[in-house]
C-alpha atoms as a PDB file:
ATOM      1  CA  MET A   1       4.175  47.781  40.591  1.00  0.00           C
ATOM      2  CA  SER A   2       5.730  49.890  43.149  1.00  0.00           C
ATOM      3  CA  ASP A   3       5.533  53.637  43.346  1.00  0.00           C
ATOM      4  CA  ILE A   4       9.052  54.032  42.310  1.00  0.00           C
ATOM      5  CA  ASP A   5       8.459  51.982  39.057  1.00  0.00           C
ATOM      6  CA  HIS A   6       6.659  55.224  37.729  1.00  0.00           C
ATOM      7  CA  LEU A   7       9.705  57.358  38.321  1.00  0.00           C
ATOM      8  CA  VAL A   8      12.212  55.044  36.568  1.00  0.00           C
ATOM      9  CA  PRO A   9      11.772  55.184  32.880  1.00  0.00           C
ATOM     10  CA  ASP A  10      11.866  51.867  30.896  1.00  0.00           C
ATOM     11  CA  ILE A  11      14.929  51.482  28.768  1.00  0.00           C
ATOM     12  CA  LEU A  12      15.570  49.106  25.835  1.00  0.00           C
ATOM     13  CA  ILE A  13      18.174  46.398  25.935  1.00  0.00           C
ATOM     14  CA  ARG A  14      19.832  44.553  23.046  1.00  0.00           C
ATOM     15  CA  ALA A  15      19.797  40.714  22.538  1.00  0.00           C
ATOM     16  CA  LYS A  16      23.132  40.183  24.471  1.00  0.00           C
ATOM     17  CA  GLN A  17      21.598  41.841  27.670  1.00  0.00           C
ATOM     18  CA  VAL A  18      18.346  39.783  27.259  1.00  0.00           C
ATOM     19  CA  ALA A  19      20.346  36.581  27.061  1.00  0.00           C
ATOM     20  CA  GLU A  20      22.449  37.598  30.091  1.00  0.00           C
ATOM     21  CA  ILE A  21      19.415  38.550  32.214  1.00  0.00           C
ATOM     22  CA  THR A  22      17.250  35.393  31.270  1.00  0.00           C
ATOM     23  CA  GLY A  23      19.992  32.927  30.987  1.00  0.00           C
ATOM     24  CA  LEU A  24      18.745  31.759  27.688  1.00  0.00           C
ATOM     25  CA  CYS A  25      20.556  31.533  24.551  1.00  0.00           C
ATOM     26  CA  LEU A  26      19.628  33.867  21.672  1.00  0.00           C
ATOM     27  CA  SER A  27      18.182  31.093  19.587  1.00  0.00           C
ATOM     28  CA  THR A  28      15.856  30.220  22.520  1.00  0.00           C
ATOM     29  CA  VAL A  29      14.927  33.837  22.968  1.00  0.00           C
ATOM     30  CA  TYR A  30      13.867  34.316  19.240  1.00  0.00           C
ATOM     31  CA  GLU A  31      12.071  30.919  19.243  1.00  0.00           C
ATOM     32  CA  TYR A  32      10.149  31.808  22.250  1.00  0.00           C
ATOM     33  CA  GLN A  33       9.326  35.230  20.849  1.00  0.00           C
ATOM     34  CA  ARG A  34       8.168  33.681  17.533  1.00  0.00           C
ATOM     35  CA  ASN A  35       5.746  31.316  19.480  1.00  0.00           C
ATOM     36  CA  GLY A  36       4.434  34.079  21.752  1.00  0.00           C
ATOM     37  CA  MET A  37       6.262  32.924  24.783  1.00  0.00           C
ATOM     38  CA  PHE A  38       8.489  35.828  25.304  1.00  0.00           C
ATOM     39  CA  PRO A  39       7.939  39.600  25.078  1.00  0.00           C
ATOM     40  CA  GLY A  40       8.132  41.066  21.547  1.00  0.00           C
ATOM     41  CA  SER A  41      11.111  43.324  20.340  1.00  0.00           C
ATOM     42  CA  VAL A  42      11.098  46.697  18.872  1.00  0.00           C
ATOM     43  CA  ARG A  43      12.532  47.393  15.532  1.00  0.00           C
ATOM     44  CA  LEU A  44      14.857  50.378  16.037  1.00  0.00           C
ATOM     45  CA  ALA A  45      16.560  50.519  12.603  1.00  0.00           C
ATOM     46  CA  GLY A  46      17.285  48.043   9.826  1.00  0.00           C
ATOM     47  CA  ARG A  47      17.999  44.817  11.501  1.00  0.00           C
ATOM     48  CA  THR A  48      18.511  46.435  15.030  1.00  0.00           C
ATOM     49  CA  VAL A  49      15.959  45.222  17.618  1.00  0.00           C
ATOM     50  CA  ALA A  50      15.622  45.739  21.297  1.00  0.00           C
ATOM     51  CA  TRP A  51      13.488  44.683  24.329  1.00  0.00           C
ATOM     52  CA  SER A  52      11.823  46.591  26.917  1.00  0.00           C
ATOM     53  CA  LEU A  53      13.852  45.983  30.032  1.00  0.00           C
ATOM     54  CA  ASN A  54      10.759  46.025  32.313  1.00  0.00           C
ATOM     55  CA  ALA A  55       9.069  43.400  30.123  1.00  0.00           C
ATOM     56  CA  VAL A  56      12.080  40.936  30.213  1.00  0.00           C
ATOM     57  CA  ILE A  57      12.370  41.360  33.977  1.00  0.00           C
ATOM     58  CA  GLN A  58       8.594  40.637  34.313  1.00  0.00           C
ATOM     59  CA  TRP A  59       9.110  37.575  32.185  1.00  0.00           C
ATOM     60  CA  VAL A  60      11.847  36.515  34.468  1.00  0.00           C
ATOM     61  CA  GLU A  61       9.865  37.330  37.716  1.00  0.00           C
ATOM     62  CA  ASP A  62       7.068  35.155  36.285  1.00  0.00           C
ATOM     63  CA  ARG A  63       9.199  32.324  35.791  1.00  0.00           C
ATOM     64  CA  LYS A  64      10.609  32.689  39.301  1.00  0.00           C
ATOM     65  CA  ALA A  65       7.068  32.678  40.497  1.00  0.00           C
ATOM     66  CA  GLY A  66       6.483  29.319  38.786  1.00  0.00           C
ATOM     67  CA  LEU A  67       4.064  30.584  36.081  1.00  0.00           C
ATOM     68  CA  PRO A  68       4.390  28.283  33.179  1.00  0.00           C
ATOM     69  CA  ILE A  69       5.682  29.245  29.768  1.00  0.00           C
ATOM     70  CA  GLU A  70       2.823  28.332  27.410  1.00  0.00           C
ATOM     71  CA  ARG A  71       3.086  28.053  23.708  1.00  0.00           C
ATOM     72  CA  GLY A  72       0.955  30.473  22.048  1.00  0.00           C
ATOM     73  CA  HIS A  73       0.365  32.474  25.198  1.00  0.00           C
ATOM     74  CA  PRO A  74      -0.429  35.997  24.378  1.00  0.00           C
ATOM     75  CA  VAL A  75       2.436  38.381  25.047  1.00  0.00           C
ATOM     76  CA  ARG A  76       2.171  42.071  24.814  1.00  0.00           C
ATOM     77  CA  ARG A  77       4.160  43.179  21.758  1.00  0.00           C
ATOM     78  CA  ALA A  78       5.016  46.682  21.358  1.00  0.00           C
ATOM     79  CA  ALA A  79       4.165  47.958  17.805  1.00  0.00           C
ATOM     80  CA  SER A  80       6.441  50.960  18.167  1.00  0.00           C
ATOM     81  CA  LEU A  81       9.299  52.438  20.147  1.00  0.00           C
ATOM     82  CA  LYS A  82       6.872  54.691  21.672  1.00  0.00           C
ATOM     83  CA  ASP A  83       4.590  51.743  22.781  1.00  0.00           C
ATOM     84  CA  ALA A  84       7.519  49.929  24.243  1.00  0.00           C
ATOM     85  CA  LEU A  85       8.476  52.909  26.359  1.00  0.00           C
ATOM     86  CA  SER A  86       5.045  53.445  27.680  1.00  0.00           C
END
C-alpha cells in the first residue's frame, strides 16, 4: 500500500461497477462471493448492496499477479458499512 492510499478514502461501488471492473458477469460475482472467492458486499438498505472499491481492485490485482482463486479461500467480509470503509 502506498502513502497516497491513506489519503484517498475507500468508496463503495454497486454491482454494475463491480462487473465492469472485474470483467465478470454478476451471476459469477455472486457465486464467487457465496463461495468465499470474492470480497463480501455491504448491505446499505433493503436489497441494496455495495462493495469496497479497494477490495475489488485488490482482488483484480491478485488475479493479474497470478494468484489462484480457491474455493472456500477466506475473504475479509465487512460486517458493516463502517468496517467496509476502514
